[in-house]
Structure formats: C-alpha cells, structure tokens
C-alpha cells in the first residue's frame, strides 16, 4: 500500500487507509498537517481524462458570491508519480444520505426544496462561473444532509466542456441526448430537474402509466420522452395514479404556484433563475407546524396536522 506521496505543488501527504476500490481506481483516506483528505488513484486514465483533471485542479471550483462553492467536492491537487491521481477534501459519507436513502427518511417537503435549491444554485454556479458542464447528474453523485440543509456533489472529475461523446445516466437524459446529441447546459439542467422531482415528489417526472408498460423504469421514461407522452401531472396518456405517494405530495404539500412551476419546467423552456426564484418563494412562505417541521401549505408533510396545528 502507498505510505505517502507528493502532489505537483510539492505538498506531502500520508496515507491512512484504503477506503474503497472500483473500476476507475482506488480511494484512500490521507492526512496533511493532521487534516483529513481523500486521495483517488486512477486506473489507467486516458490522456484526455488526465488532462481534464489537471485543468480542474488548476482552475479551482465554481464561485458562489465570490467564494468557492463548497458544495462541490472538487479535485484540489493532482499527483503524477508514482501513480496518477488527485486529492480532494474529506467528506464523512456516513453523515450524508443518497437520493435513495432520502426517499426513505422523514423530511419535510420544505426541507427537500431547500436541498434542491442548493443543488440547482451550485449547478448554475458551475455553468455561469466556469462555463462547464457536469455531464452525468444522477442519483449516485449527489449526497444530502437534511438536518444541516447541506449537500455534496461528488465524482467531479468528469466536469468539463464535453464537446465529444454523450455522457449521462439512463433516466436522466433529455430528448436531445437520447437522439444522439452532445451534452450541454440544457441536458445538465434537465437531469437536475429530474433529480429535484425525485427528491421532492418521490417519483420520476415521466414515469406514468405509459412508461410503466416497459420492463424497466429507465426504458419506460426514455420512451415517454422520445414519444412525447408528457409530464405525469399534465398528461392523460402518461398520468400518475391518485393512489401514489407522488400524487399525495403534489395535491397536499405543493402550493398552487409550485405546481404551476413544475408543469412549466417539464412542458416548456424555463430559465433556471426562474426555477430558483420559485423554490425560494416556496421556502420563504413556510410556517412552523406544532411538530416543529416547516410547511408551506395547511397540512404538514411530516405529521399530517392540518392548519390548526400550523403557526
């Protein structure tokens, strides 16, 4: 096992332990001056991929109000010898939840909206301050800390301008990518909105009755998008049934304005700043339920108390 290494900037790190191994390489916990970091050792990276990682290290993360956007677990320093890899900030993954785990825990719709807002703002920062595309937004590379209203965006070594091949995860691809197009800001935003929809409504925006005819959810939603079967809360052919959790959330815990915003997102072209402003409005309208959770409607999404219990 590696015991220590020096980055291209001359910083020396000590290796503490091997954390994980995978197809792309190995992950180590490392330290420098008693502070913990993570080292990712890459397994045979292509020349293009390696040059991109070096650019990311040299350019630094996106800016948020003039400061580094800490939501990104960004490559900090690269190592070329005796292996190719890079160092990033340490994140205790045990303190964060995946999207799948978020769908299982009690968390108010307002708190979920706040997490979605943070994510969209960071993606917008990446686009606006760096002119770069994430390229592969999915349920596996965003982590959530609901009690602290914080997120972490991981697997950032593919971020770039992506003028080449299609990137993305099935179920998060927009129509243009499914037709063989190249990743761009619009495909990033579409994937971001799909993730936001799953986080807040516990369902994919195109997984309705039409999509359910297919063997897998991913195949179904791809066909629904390609055949223009429509958003589940607007479409008759691809509608979502009333006995689903998504329908209950939509009916009772979304405001009228938020419902209209979501319809516009998946039926029209909406600027990301309009979506961000709509989420902020929903969050700012929240009141406190007797159980201590926030709600923007007359029914709490956690304890289900009606307006009498909401102040």
Protein backbone atom coordinates (compact mmCIF):
# COMPACT_ATOMS: atom_id res chain seq x y z
CA UNK A 1 0.00 0.00 0.00
CA UNK A 2 1.10 3.58 -0.66
CA UNK A 3 2.52 5.17 2.50
CA UNK A 4 3.00 8.76 1.37
CA UNK A 5 3.11 10.89 -1.76
CA UNK A 6 3.82 14.41 -3.01
CA UNK A 7 1.48 16.44 -5.22
CA UNK A 8 2.53 18.55 -8.21
CA UNK A 9 2.55 21.58 -5.88
CA UNK A 10 5.05 19.90 -3.53
CA UNK A 11 2.57 19.10 -0.75
CA UNK A 12 3.34 15.90 1.14
CA UNK A 13 0.51 13.64 2.34
CA UNK A 14 0.48 10.49 4.47
CA UNK A 15 -1.81 7.59 3.62
CA UNK A 16 -4.03 6.39 6.49
CA UNK A 17 -6.11 3.61 4.96
CA UNK A 18 -7.66 2.18 1.82
CA UNK A 19 -11.34 3.11 1.76
CA UNK A 20 -12.65 1.59 -1.45
CA UNK A 21 -11.69 0.09 -4.79
CA UNK A 22 -13.61 0.23 -8.04
CA UNK A 23 -13.39 0.10 -11.81
CA UNK A 24 -11.98 3.63 -12.01
CA UNK A 25 -9.39 3.22 -9.26
CA UNK A 26 -8.82 3.25 -5.51
CA UNK A 27 -9.87 5.66 -2.77
CA UNK A 28 -7.62 6.33 0.23
CA UNK A 29 -8.03 8.40 3.37
CA UNK A 30 -4.93 10.60 3.73
CA UNK A 31 -3.71 13.37 6.02
CA UNK A 32 -1.64 16.52 5.86
CA UNK A 33 -0.86 18.55 8.99
CA UNK A 34 -3.44 16.49 10.92
CA UNK A 35 -6.23 17.37 8.49
CA UNK A 36 -8.03 14.56 6.65
CA UNK A 37 -8.34 14.41 2.87
CA UNK A 38 -9.18 11.80 0.23
CA UNK A 39 -6.85 10.51 -2.48
CA UNK A 40 -8.29 8.99 -5.64
CA UNK A 41 -5.74 6.85 -7.51
CA UNK A 42 -6.88 6.46 -11.12
CA UNK A 43 -6.72 3.19 -13.01
CA UNK A 44 -5.26 3.78 -16.49
CA UNK A 45 -6.87 7.16 -17.24
CA UNK A 46 -6.97 8.27 -20.87
CA UNK A 47 -4.76 11.18 -21.87
CA UNK A 48 -7.84 13.38 -22.35
CA UNK A 49 -9.29 12.45 -18.95
CA UNK A 50 -5.99 13.08 -17.19
CA UNK A 51 -5.51 16.47 -18.85
CA UNK A 52 -9.04 17.40 -17.79
CA UNK A 53 -8.31 16.51 -14.14
CA UNK A 54 -5.19 18.66 -14.21
CA UNK A 55 -7.24 21.57 -15.60
CA UNK A 56 -9.83 21.15 -12.85
CA UNK A 57 -7.13 21.20 -10.15
CA UNK A 58 -5.51 24.30 -11.60
CA UNK A 59 -8.74 26.23 -12.20
CA UNK A 60 -10.41 25.55 -8.85
CA UNK A 61 -14.13 25.07 -8.07
CA UNK A 62 -17.01 27.33 -9.15
CA UNK A 63 -17.59 30.55 -7.28
CA UNK A 64 -20.59 31.33 -5.10
CA UNK A 65 -20.91 35.03 -4.22
CA UNK A 66 -17.19 35.46 -4.85
CA UNK A 67 -16.16 32.46 -2.72
CA UNK A 68 -15.53 28.80 -3.56
CA UNK A 69 -18.72 26.78 -3.78
CA UNK A 70 -18.19 24.23 -1.01
CA UNK A 71 -20.99 22.00 -2.25
CA UNK A 72 -18.57 20.58 -4.82
CA UNK A 73 -16.03 18.00 -3.61
CA UNK A 74 -13.58 19.39 -6.16
CA UNK A 75 -10.18 17.97 -7.23
CA UNK A 76 -7.59 20.04 -5.32
CA UNK A 77 -4.09 18.80 -6.25
CA UNK A 78 -3.00 16.17 -8.73
CA UNK A 79 -0.26 13.56 -8.39
CA UNK A 80 1.70 12.24 -11.40
CA UNK A 81 4.32 9.97 -9.84
CA UNK A 82 4.44 7.11 -8.86
CA UNK A 83 0.75 6.99 -9.86
CA UNK A 84 -1.84 9.29 -11.40
CA UNK A 85 -4.44 10.61 -9.01
CA UNK A 86 -5.73 13.64 -7.15
CA UNK A 87 -6.55 14.88 -3.66
CA UNK A 88 -9.92 16.24 -2.53
CA UNK A 89 -11.50 17.34 0.73
CA UNK A 90 -12.60 14.57 3.07
CA UNK A 91 -16.35 14.06 3.47
CA UNK A 92 -17.72 11.60 6.01
CA UNK A 93 -20.20 9.78 3.80
CA UNK A 94 -21.83 8.24 6.88
CA UNK A 95 -23.20 11.69 7.72
CA UNK A 96 -24.86 12.08 4.32
CA UNK A 97 -27.71 10.28 2.57
CA UNK A 98 -28.03 9.16 -1.04
CA UNK A 99 -31.13 10.05 -3.05
CA UNK A 100 -32.45 6.52 -2.50
CA UNK A 101 -31.99 6.92 1.27
CA UNK A 102 -33.62 10.36 1.17
CA UNK A 103 -36.76 8.75 -0.23
CA UNK A 104 -36.97 6.57 2.91
CA UNK A 105 -36.49 9.19 5.66
CA UNK A 106 -38.89 11.67 7.19
CA UNK A 107 -38.03 15.09 5.84
CA UNK A 108 -40.49 17.89 5.14
CA UNK A 109 -41.19 18.99 1.57
CA UNK A 110 -39.88 22.44 2.51
CA UNK A 111 -36.56 20.95 3.67
CA UNK A 112 -36.40 18.90 0.48
CA UNK A 113 -36.99 22.07 -1.53
CA UNK A 114 -34.10 23.72 0.31
CA UNK A 115 -31.77 20.86 -0.62
CA UNK A 116 -32.98 21.04 -4.24
CA UNK A 117 -32.38 24.79 -4.23
CA UNK A 118 -28.80 24.36 -3.06
CA UNK A 119 -28.18 21.81 -5.79
CA UNK A 120 -29.65 23.97 -8.56
CA UNK A 121 -27.72 27.02 -7.39
CA UNK A 122 -24.46 25.05 -7.47
CA UNK A 123 -25.16 23.73 -10.98
CA UNK A 124 -25.94 27.26 -12.08
CA UNK A 125 -22.67 28.44 -10.49
CA UNK A 126 -20.80 25.76 -12.45
CA UNK A 127 -22.40 26.88 -15.70
CA UNK A 128 -22.10 30.61 -15.11
CA UNK A 129 -18.73 30.99 -13.37
CA UNK A 130 -16.86 28.16 -15.11
CA UNK A 131 -18.72 27.68 -18.39
CA UNK A 132 -18.51 23.94 -17.68
CA UNK A 133 -20.95 21.03 -17.81
CA UNK A 134 -21.29 18.34 -15.14
CA UNK A 135 -22.35 15.80 -17.73
CA UNK A 136 -23.55 12.89 -15.58
CA UNK A 137 -26.00 14.05 -12.92
CA UNK A 138 -27.72 11.04 -11.37
CA UNK A 139 -28.95 9.55 -8.09
CA UNK A 140 -25.45 8.34 -7.19
CA UNK A 141 -23.35 11.50 -7.24
CA UNK A 142 -25.33 13.89 -5.02
CA UNK A 143 -25.34 13.40 -1.23
CA UNK A 144 -27.75 15.07 1.20
CA UNK A 145 -27.55 16.15 4.84
CA UNK A 146 -31.16 17.16 5.61
CA UNK A 147 -30.66 18.16 9.26
CA UNK A 148 -27.96 20.66 8.24
CA UNK A 149 -29.63 21.58 4.93
CA UNK A 150 -26.41 20.83 3.06
CA UNK A 151 -25.41 18.78 0.02
CA UNK A 152 -22.21 17.43 -1.51
CA UNK A 153 -21.67 16.96 -5.23
CA UNK A 154 -19.15 14.18 -5.80
CA UNK A 155 -17.49 12.47 -8.80
CA UNK A 156 -16.46 15.80 -10.27
CA UNK A 157 -13.54 14.54 -12.33
CA UNK A 158 -15.67 14.35 -15.50
CA UNK A 159 -16.69 18.01 -15.37
CA UNK A 160 -15.66 19.91 -18.47
CA UNK A 161 -16.87 21.33 -21.76
CA UNK A 162 -17.83 17.91 -23.20
CA UNK A 163 -17.76 18.61 -26.89
CA UNK A 164 -17.43 14.90 -27.60
CA UNK A 165 -19.39 11.76 -26.80
CA UNK A 166 -22.69 11.53 -24.96
CA UNK A 167 -22.47 11.40 -21.19
CA UNK A 168 -25.22 10.74 -18.70
CA UNK A 169 -27.21 8.10 -16.85
CA UNK A 170 -30.28 6.47 -18.34
CA UNK A 171 -33.37 8.07 -16.85
CA UNK A 172 -31.63 11.46 -16.61
CA UNK A 173 -31.15 12.05 -20.35
CA UNK A 174 -33.15 14.68 -22.19
CA UNK A 175 -34.62 14.18 -25.65
CA UNK A 176 -31.61 15.70 -27.43
CA UNK A 177 -29.19 13.26 -25.78
CA UNK A 178 -31.48 10.31 -26.45
CA UNK A 179 -31.43 11.30 -30.13
CA UNK A 180 -27.61 11.26 -30.16
CA UNK A 181 -26.87 14.89 -29.35
CA UNK A 182 -24.00 16.24 -27.27
CA UNK A 183 -24.15 17.24 -23.60
CA UNK A 184 -24.79 20.92 -22.97
CA UNK A 185 -26.20 23.24 -20.30
CA UNK A 186 -29.76 22.17 -21.20
CA UNK A 187 -29.03 18.46 -20.69
CA UNK A 188 -27.41 19.29 -17.34
CA UNK A 189 -30.47 21.27 -16.26
CA UNK A 190 -32.88 18.57 -17.40
CA UNK A 191 -31.03 15.98 -15.30
CA UNK A 192 -31.02 18.43 -12.37
CA UNK A 193 -34.80 18.89 -12.62
CA UNK A 194 -35.33 15.10 -12.77
CA UNK A 195 -33.30 14.72 -9.57
CA UNK A 196 -35.20 17.62 -7.94
CA UNK A 197 -38.51 15.99 -8.89
CA UNK A 198 -37.48 12.66 -7.39
CA UNK A 199 -36.23 14.33 -4.21
CA UNK A 200 -39.42 16.36 -3.67
CA UNK A 201 -42.11 14.13 -5.21
CA UNK A 202 -40.63 10.62 -4.75
CA UNK A 203 -41.15 9.84 -8.45
CA UNK A 204 -39.63 10.37 -11.88
CA UNK A 205 -41.37 13.15 -13.84
CA UNK A 206 -42.02 10.82 -16.81
CA UNK A 207 -42.74 7.54 -15.01
CA UNK A 208 -46.50 7.43 -15.52
CA UNK A 209 -48.95 4.86 -16.85
CA UNK A 210 -47.39 4.80 -20.34
CA UNK A 211 -43.82 4.37 -19.02
CA UNK A 212 -44.90 1.57 -16.66
CA UNK A 213 -45.70 -0.65 -19.66
CA UNK A 214 -41.96 -1.16 -20.18
CA UNK A 215 -39.82 -3.71 -18.39
CA UNK A 216 -37.64 -1.15 -16.57
CA UNK A 217 -38.29 2.37 -15.32
CA UNK A 218 -35.31 3.65 -17.32
CA UNK A 219 -36.62 2.21 -20.59
CA UNK A 220 -40.12 3.49 -19.86
CA UNK A 221 -39.16 7.07 -19.15
CA UNK A 222 -36.82 7.18 -22.16
CA UNK A 223 -39.66 6.06 -24.43
CA UNK A 224 -42.08 8.51 -22.79
CA UNK A 225 -39.64 11.34 -23.53
CA UNK A 226 -38.88 10.19 -27.09
CA UNK A 227 -42.56 9.67 -27.93
CA UNK A 228 -43.55 12.94 -26.25
CA UNK A 229 -46.03 11.30 -23.89
CA UNK A 230 -45.79 14.18 -21.46
CA UNK A 231 -45.17 15.10 -17.84
CA UNK A 232 -47.02 12.82 -15.39
CA UNK A 233 -49.02 15.70 -13.86
CA UNK A 234 -50.06 17.12 -17.25
CA UNK A 235 -50.50 14.05 -19.45
CA UNK A 236 -53.58 11.86 -19.83
CA UNK A 237 -51.72 9.03 -21.55
CA UNK A 238 -48.79 9.08 -19.11
CA UNK A 239 -50.58 10.29 -16.00
CA UNK A 240 -49.68 9.30 -12.48
CA UNK A 241 -52.29 7.45 -10.42
CA UNK A 242 -54.01 9.14 -7.48
CA UNK A 243 -53.07 6.39 -5.03
CA UNK A 244 -49.33 7.12 -5.32
CA UNK A 245 -47.22 9.00 -2.79
CA UNK A 246 -46.24 11.46 -5.51
CA UNK A 247 -49.88 12.41 -6.10
CA UNK A 248 -50.48 12.92 -2.37
CA UNK A 249 -47.43 15.20 -2.12
CA UNK A 250 -48.49 17.09 -5.26
CA UNK A 251 -52.05 17.63 -4.02
CA UNK A 252 -51.49 18.41 -0.34
CA UNK A 253 -47.92 19.68 0.14
CA UNK A 254 -47.25 21.71 -3.02
CA UNK A 255 -48.67 25.21 -3.34
CA UNK A 256 -50.57 26.22 -6.48
CA UNK A 257 -47.62 28.31 -7.62
CA UNK A 258 -45.16 25.46 -7.13
CA UNK A 259 -47.40 23.08 -9.09
CA UNK A 260 -47.53 25.55 -11.97
CA UNK A 261 -43.76 25.98 -11.85
CA UNK A 262 -43.18 22.22 -12.10
CA UNK A 263 -45.62 21.96 -15.02
CA UNK A 264 -43.74 24.74 -16.79
CA UNK A 265 -40.37 23.07 -16.13
CA UNK A 266 -41.39 19.82 -17.84
CA UNK A 267 -43.72 21.25 -20.50
CA UNK A 268 -41.92 24.42 -21.57
CA UNK A 269 -38.48 26.04 -21.51
CA UNK A 270 -37.96 27.79 -18.17
CA UNK A 271 -34.84 29.74 -17.21
CA UNK A 272 -33.02 28.25 -14.24
CA UNK A 273 -33.15 31.59 -12.37
CA UNK A 274 -36.96 31.43 -12.57
CA UNK A 275 -36.90 27.91 -11.05
CA UNK A 276 -34.51 29.05 -8.31
CA UNK A 277 -36.76 32.04 -7.52
CA UNK A 278 -39.82 29.77 -7.39
CA UNK A 279 -38.18 27.41 -4.92
CA UNK A 280 -37.10 30.34 -2.75
CA UNK A 281 -40.65 31.68 -2.73
CA UNK A 282 -41.98 28.28 -1.66
CA UNK A 283 -39.39 28.01 1.13
CA UNK A 284 -39.92 31.61 2.32
CA UNK A 285 -43.68 31.05 2.58
CA UNK A 286 -43.20 28.21 5.09
CA UNK A 287 -44.70 28.26 8.56
CA UNK A 288 -43.88 26.08 11.55
CA UNK A 289 -46.09 23.15 12.48
CA UNK A 290 -46.68 22.12 16.10
CA UNK A 291 -44.35 19.17 15.46
CA UNK A 292 -41.52 21.61 14.67
CA UNK A 293 -41.34 20.95 10.93
CA UNK A 294 -41.88 23.59 8.25
CA UNK A 295 -44.78 23.57 5.82
CA UNK A 296 -45.89 25.91 3.03
CA UNK A 297 -49.44 24.53 2.93
CA UNK A 298 -52.13 23.95 5.53
CA UNK A 299 -51.09 20.33 6.07
CA UNK A 300 -47.69 19.32 7.46
CA UNK A 301 -45.90 16.82 5.23
CA UNK A 302 -44.29 15.10 8.25
CA UNK A 303 -47.02 14.74 10.92
CA UNK A 304 -50.05 15.48 8.68
CA UNK A 305 -51.52 18.01 11.11
CA UNK A 306 -53.99 20.40 9.46
CA UNK A 307 -53.83 24.19 9.62
CA UNK A 308 -54.95 24.26 13.29
CA UNK A 309 -51.53 22.92 14.23
CA UNK A 310 -49.60 25.25 11.95
CA UNK A 311 -48.46 28.72 13.04
